[in-house]
Amino acid sequence: MNNQIYLDYAATTPMAPEAARAMAQCLTTDGVFVNPASLQHGFGEQAHALIEKSRAEIASLLNCNPTELIFTSGATESNNLAIKGIALSYQKKATISLPQLANTKLYWTPVNTLRASVLKLLSSSPISMDS
């Protein structure tokens, strides 16, 4: 019996058994393991169709349009996408202050008119307004 308790769910979270079973179908040569962006062949088309089916099912559960769902590879990509979306929507309207995110690189090239400041995080308080 394992008496350890895992408390670092910010780093990784166990997958629901149903999700693990669905993912297992995409991880071996017995399933659809190919790049879904490779639409030049039937294998890629099959993988793409599986992702779009999943997108539609998730959208139905969330009561949203499938085109509103974006799958990312992880937190950094998700954070950058969210920040960029906010920045583009407030372009020329405001200055956006962002916390200094560990391991996050912000790409502002398409947001030429955005005024942004990065706030330094301190261990003793959430945000330093002096930076």
C-alpha atoms as a PDB file:
ATOM      1  CA  MET A   1       0.000   0.000   0.000  1.00  0.00           C
ATOM      2  CA  ASN A   2       1.326   3.462  -0.917  1.00  0.00           C
ATOM      3  CA  ASN A   3       0.912   5.994   1.913  1.00  0.00           C
ATOM      4  CA  GLN A   4       2.451   8.880  -0.007  1.00  0.00           C
ATOM      5  CA  ILE A   5       0.291  11.848  -0.980  1.00  0.00           C
ATOM      6  CA  TYR A   6       1.160  13.800  -4.128  1.00  0.00           C
ATOM      7  CA  LEU A   7       0.604  17.546  -3.695  1.00  0.00           C
ATOM      8  CA  ASP A   8       2.270  19.076  -6.779  1.00  0.00           C
ATOM      9  CA  TYR A   9      -0.763  19.106  -9.058  1.00  0.00           C
ATOM     10  CA  ALA A  10       0.499  22.365 -10.556  1.00  0.00           C
ATOM     11  CA  ALA A  11       3.341  20.391 -12.143  1.00  0.00           C
ATOM     12  CA  THR A  12       1.290  17.458 -13.407  1.00  0.00           C
ATOM     13  CA  THR A  13      -2.095  15.938 -12.794  1.00  0.00           C
ATOM     14  CA  PRO A  14      -3.097  12.301 -13.174  1.00  0.00           C
ATOM     15  CA  MET A  15      -5.262  11.606 -16.173  1.00  0.00           C
ATOM     16  CA  ALA A  16      -8.797  10.304 -15.774  1.00  0.00           C
ATOM     17  CA  PRO A  17      -8.887   6.577 -16.684  1.00  0.00           C
ATOM     18  CA  GLU A  18     -11.334   7.278 -19.536  1.00  0.00           C
ATOM     19  CA  ALA A  19      -8.988   9.879 -21.005  1.00  0.00           C
ATOM     20  CA  ALA A  20      -6.000   7.548 -20.614  1.00  0.00           C
ATOM     21  CA  ARG A  21      -7.830   4.803 -22.515  1.00  0.00           C
ATOM     22  CA  ALA A  22      -8.731   7.230 -25.314  1.00  0.00           C
ATOM     23  CA  MET A  23      -5.151   8.544 -25.499  1.00  0.00           C
ATOM     24  CA  ALA A  24      -3.738   5.005 -25.533  1.00  0.00           C
ATOM     25  CA  GLN A  25      -5.428   4.550 -28.914  1.00  0.00           C
ATOM     26  CA  CYS A  26      -3.179   7.298 -30.267  1.00  0.00           C
ATOM     27  CA  LEU A  27       0.184   6.229 -28.851  1.00  0.00           C
ATOM     28  CA  THR A  28       1.031   2.940 -30.552  1.00  0.00           C
ATOM     29  CA  THR A  29       1.120   1.469 -34.040  1.00  0.00           C
ATOM     30  CA  ASP A  30      -2.091  -0.376 -33.133  1.00  0.00           C
ATOM     31  CA  GLY A  31      -3.904   2.964 -33.121  1.00  0.00           C
ATOM     32  CA  VAL A  32      -3.815   6.369 -34.806  1.00  0.00           C
ATOM     33  CA  PHE A  33      -0.388   7.663 -33.729  1.00  0.00           C
ATOM     34  CA  VAL A  34       0.446   9.887 -36.706  1.00  0.00           C
ATOM     35  CA  ASN A  35       0.655  13.658 -37.070  1.00  0.00           C
ATOM     36  CA  PRO A  36      -2.905  14.993 -37.548  1.00  0.00           C
ATOM     37  CA  ALA A  37      -1.510  17.924 -39.540  1.00  0.00           C
ATOM     38  CA  SER A  38      -0.162  15.529 -42.193  1.00  0.00           C
ATOM     39  CA  LEU A  39      -3.211  15.711 -44.426  1.00  0.00           C
ATOM     40  CA  GLN A  40      -1.282  14.485 -47.479  1.00  0.00           C
ATOM     41  CA  HIS A  41      -2.063  10.860 -46.632  1.00  0.00           C
ATOM     42  CA  GLY A  42      -4.850   8.753 -45.201  1.00  0.00           C
ATOM     43  CA  PHE A  43      -3.124   8.178 -41.864  1.00  0.00           C
ATOM     44  CA  GLY A  44      -2.936  11.917 -41.193  1.00  0.00           C
ATOM     45  CA  GLU A  45      -6.514  12.396 -42.328  1.00  0.00           C
ATOM     46  CA  GLN A  46      -7.621   9.668 -39.905  1.00  0.00           C
ATOM     47  CA  ALA A  47      -5.752  11.317 -37.003  1.00  0.00           C
ATOM     48  CA  HIS A  48      -7.155  14.729 -37.953  1.00  0.00           C
ATOM     49  CA  ALA A  49     -10.697  13.316 -38.032  1.00  0.00           C
ATOM     50  CA  LEU A  50     -10.183  11.817 -34.573  1.00  0.00           C
ATOM     51  CA  ILE A  51      -9.066  15.163 -33.157  1.00  0.00           C
ATOM     52  CA  GLU A  52     -11.993  16.974 -34.754  1.00  0.00           C
ATOM     53  CA  LYS A  53     -14.395  14.361 -33.352  1.00  0.00           C
ATOM     54  CA  SER A  54     -12.893  14.909 -29.903  1.00  0.00           C
ATOM     55  CA  ARG A  55     -13.112  18.686 -30.338  1.00  0.00           C
ATOM     56  CA  ALA A  56     -16.823  18.400 -31.198  1.00  0.00           C
ATOM     57  CA  GLU A  57     -17.503  16.158 -28.178  1.00  0.00           C
ATOM     58  CA  ILE A  58     -15.712  18.538 -25.793  1.00  0.00           C
ATOM     59  CA  ALA A  59     -17.485  21.552 -27.318  1.00  0.00           C
ATOM     60  CA  SER A  60     -20.814  19.828 -26.772  1.00  0.00           C
ATOM     61  CA  LEU A  61     -19.967  19.265 -23.090  1.00  0.00           C
ATOM     62  CA  LEU A  62     -18.897  22.912 -22.715  1.00  0.00           C
ATOM     63  CA  ASN A  63     -21.843  24.225 -24.746  1.00  0.00           C
ATOM     64  CA  CYS A  64     -19.585  26.116 -27.141  1.00  0.00           C
ATOM     65  CA  ASN A  65     -18.632  26.061 -30.801  1.00  0.00           C
ATOM     66  CA  PRO A  66     -15.848  23.580 -31.703  1.00  0.00           C
ATOM     67  CA  THR A  67     -13.946  26.405 -33.396  1.00  0.00           C
ATOM     68  CA  GLU A  68     -13.664  28.098 -29.999  1.00  0.00           C
ATOM     69  CA  LEU A  69     -11.526  25.254 -28.623  1.00  0.00           C
ATOM     70  CA  ILE A  70      -7.770  25.391 -29.084  1.00  0.00           C
ATOM     71  CA  PHE A  71      -5.600  22.478 -28.022  1.00  0.00           C
ATOM     72  CA  THR A  72      -2.131  23.455 -26.833  1.00  0.00           C
ATOM     73  CA  SER A  73       0.937  21.491 -25.810  1.00  0.00           C
ATOM     74  CA  GLY A  74       1.069  22.885 -22.297  1.00  0.00           C
ATOM     75  CA  ALA A  75       0.883  25.799 -19.894  1.00  0.00           C
ATOM     76  CA  THR A  76       3.478  28.054 -21.513  1.00  0.00           C
ATOM     77  CA  GLU A  77       1.790  27.883 -24.901  1.00  0.00           C
ATOM     78  CA  SER A  78      -1.625  28.390 -23.278  1.00  0.00           C
ATOM     79  CA  ASN A  79      -0.420  31.396 -21.248  1.00  0.00           C
ATOM     80  CA  ASN A  80       1.155  33.016 -24.308  1.00  0.00           C
ATOM     81  CA  LEU A  81      -1.990  32.452 -26.361  1.00  0.00           C
ATOM     82  CA  ALA A  82      -4.213  33.958 -23.654  1.00  0.00           C
ATOM     83  CA  ILE A  83      -1.914  36.955 -23.126  1.00  0.00           C
ATOM     84  CA  LYS A  84      -1.634  37.563 -26.863  1.00  0.00           C
ATOM     85  CA  GLY A  85      -5.424  37.393 -27.256  1.00  0.00           C
ATOM     86  CA  ILE A  86      -5.957  39.913 -24.477  1.00  0.00           C
ATOM     87  CA  ALA A  87      -3.204  42.137 -25.856  1.00  0.00           C
ATOM     88  CA  LEU A  88      -4.685  42.133 -29.345  1.00  0.00           C
ATOM     89  CA  SER A  89      -8.162  42.941 -28.023  1.00  0.00           C
ATOM     90  CA  TYR A  90      -6.839  45.905 -25.996  1.00  0.00           C
ATOM     91  CA  GLN A  91      -4.410  47.108 -28.644  1.00  0.00           C
ATOM     92  CA  LYS A  92      -4.161  50.939 -28.584  1.00  0.00           C
ATOM     93  CA  LYS A  93      -6.595  51.073 -25.636  1.00  0.00           C
ATOM     94  CA  ALA A  94      -4.543  50.358 -22.526  1.00  0.00           C
ATOM     95  CA  THR A  95      -1.253  49.409 -20.958  1.00  0.00           C
ATOM     96  CA  ILE A  96      -1.222  45.770 -19.934  1.00  0.00           C
ATOM     97  CA  SER A  97       0.842  44.780 -16.904  1.00  0.00           C
ATOM     98  CA  LEU A  98       1.893  41.165 -16.765  1.00  0.00           C
ATOM     99  CA  PRO A  99       3.418  39.149 -13.953  1.00  0.00           C
ATOM    100  CA  GLN A 100       6.839  37.770 -14.749  1.00  0.00           C
ATOM    101  CA  LEU A 101       5.971  34.168 -15.584  1.00  0.00           C
ATOM    102  CA  ALA A 102       8.636  31.532 -15.082  1.00  0.00           C
ATOM    103  CA  ASN A 103       9.664  29.879 -18.351  1.00  0.00           C
ATOM    104  CA  THR A 104       7.290  32.054 -20.354  1.00  0.00           C
ATOM    105  CA  LYS A 105       8.456  33.954 -23.405  1.00  0.00           C
ATOM    106  CA  LEU A 106       6.140  36.573 -24.814  1.00  0.00           C
ATOM    107  CA  TYR A 107       6.148  37.174 -28.541  1.00  0.00           C
ATOM    108  CA  TRP A 108       4.870  40.668 -29.288  1.00  0.00           C
ATOM    109  CA  THR A 109       5.903  41.039 -32.938  1.00  0.00           C
ATOM    110  CA  PRO A 110       2.314  41.181 -34.276  1.00  0.00           C
ATOM    111  CA  VAL A 111       1.277  43.508 -31.451  1.00  0.00           C
ATOM    112  CA  ASN A 112       3.370  46.496 -32.458  1.00  0.00           C
ATOM    113  CA  THR A 113       1.220  49.161 -30.815  1.00  0.00           C
ATOM    114  CA  LEU A 114       0.819  47.450 -27.432  1.00  0.00           C
ATOM    115  CA  ARG A 115       2.249  49.125 -24.353  1.00  0.00           C
ATOM    116  CA  ALA A 116       3.232  46.373 -21.921  1.00  0.00           C
ATOM    117  CA  SER A 117       5.107  46.227 -18.671  1.00  0.00           C
ATOM    118  CA  VAL A 118       6.378  43.156 -16.873  1.00  0.00           C
ATOM    119  CA  LEU A 119       5.965  43.097 -13.106  1.00  0.00           C
ATOM    120  CA  LYS A 120       8.656  41.344 -11.084  1.00  0.00           C
ATOM    121  CA  LEU A 121       7.343  38.691  -8.718  1.00  0.00           C
ATOM    122  CA  LEU A 122       8.817  38.608  -5.234  1.00  0.00           C
ATOM    123  CA  SER A 123       8.777  35.664  -2.856  1.00  0.00           C
ATOM    124  CA  SER A 124       7.383  37.836  -0.028  1.00  0.00           C
ATOM    125  CA  SER A 125       4.533  39.447  -1.976  1.00  0.00           C
ATOM    126  CA  PRO A 126       2.651  38.663  -5.173  1.00  0.00           C
ATOM    127  CA  ILE A 127       3.737  41.700  -7.228  1.00  0.00           C
ATOM    128  CA  SER A 128       6.359  44.426  -7.035  1.00  0.00           C
ATOM    129  CA  MET A 129       5.014  47.665  -8.491  1.00  0.00           C
ATOM    130  CA  ASP A 130       8.556  49.144  -8.487  1.00  0.00           C
ATOM    131  CA  SER A 131       9.872  47.051 -11.347  1.00  0.00           C
END
